[in-house]
Amino acid sequence: MLASMWNIRPLYDPSAKPLALYSRGRTDIGMWKTALRIMVCYAALAVPGADAADMTARQVTRLLFTVPAGSTPDLSNKDLSGLDLSGLDFKKAKLDGVNFYGSDLTHANLSGASLKSARLDRATLIGADLSGADLSGASLLRPNVFEDMKPSSHSGLSFAGARLVGANLNGRFDGVNFSHADLSSAIFGPRDPREEVLITPMMSLEAANFRGARLVGADLASNSLENADFTGADLTHANLRGARLGGANFSDAILDGADLTGAATPDTNLRSARSLKATIGLAATR
């Protein structure tokens, strides 16, 4: 097809003289290289998050600051990818289906906002407040949660009391606050083996706060959950196969039907966990 578009002649022409054939070959190779560069450019445009956002950061800021008292800002289904929205108060906005891919939401106030099916992949969420927000079906793949890579770093990111039913999270969420959040059927880690997240197949949730959280049917398999706090959490039918649970606290947690097959449990506090006899694979833990 490319040959017909640019009228490229075949490299081999029986009627051509040797010198003409050589010159024509060099010209046609150059045209093929040009065509290839064009194809690469078009491919780059198809990369997620590469398209221009629907609004500028200034326009988003103006909308949030000028919304009438008592009204809810509505930015549903907008493409806000790649914008610097750090420090903004979203005033419990309706943000369902919004694309925040690669956006900077450092210290943004998203508490109480509706973010159903929103995309926050690779967004910067350092110190962001998402407490009480509805992130059902949202995607949070490899966001930037820490200012540096030091183990002692504290994110300040909070999902306390948030709703993340069926959400997909992957990346480093050490110490993040999920207390009293609804994480039923949430997937922690790759949803599909073909996804780019394969380069970090194990999610890190070390010392994460799941106190009082609802994790019914959640998939936490193979993840790093050392020293995580599950006090009073409901992990009914949760998948913890192969998870690293060293030092984790399951005091008063409900483990009815939870699968612990192959999990590493050194120094794990399971003494006061509820429905422990109804778990799967407890005898096969390490």
Foldseek 3Di string as FASTA:
>chain_A
DVCVVVVQDDLDDVPDDPVVSVVSNVVSVVVVVVVVVVVVVVVQCVPPLNDDWPDALVVLQVQQVPPDPPDAAEPELTEPDPYANDPAENPQHAHANYEHHQYEHHLYENDNHEHDQYEQEQYACQLYEHANYEHANYEHEAHRQFPDDDPPTARNYEHHNYEHDQYEYAAEQEQYEDEQYEHEQYEYADPDCVDPSVVVRAGEHEQYEHHNYEHDQYENDLHEHELHENHNYEHALYEHANYEHENYEQAQYEQQAYEHAAYEYHNYHPPRYPNPVNYHRPVRYD
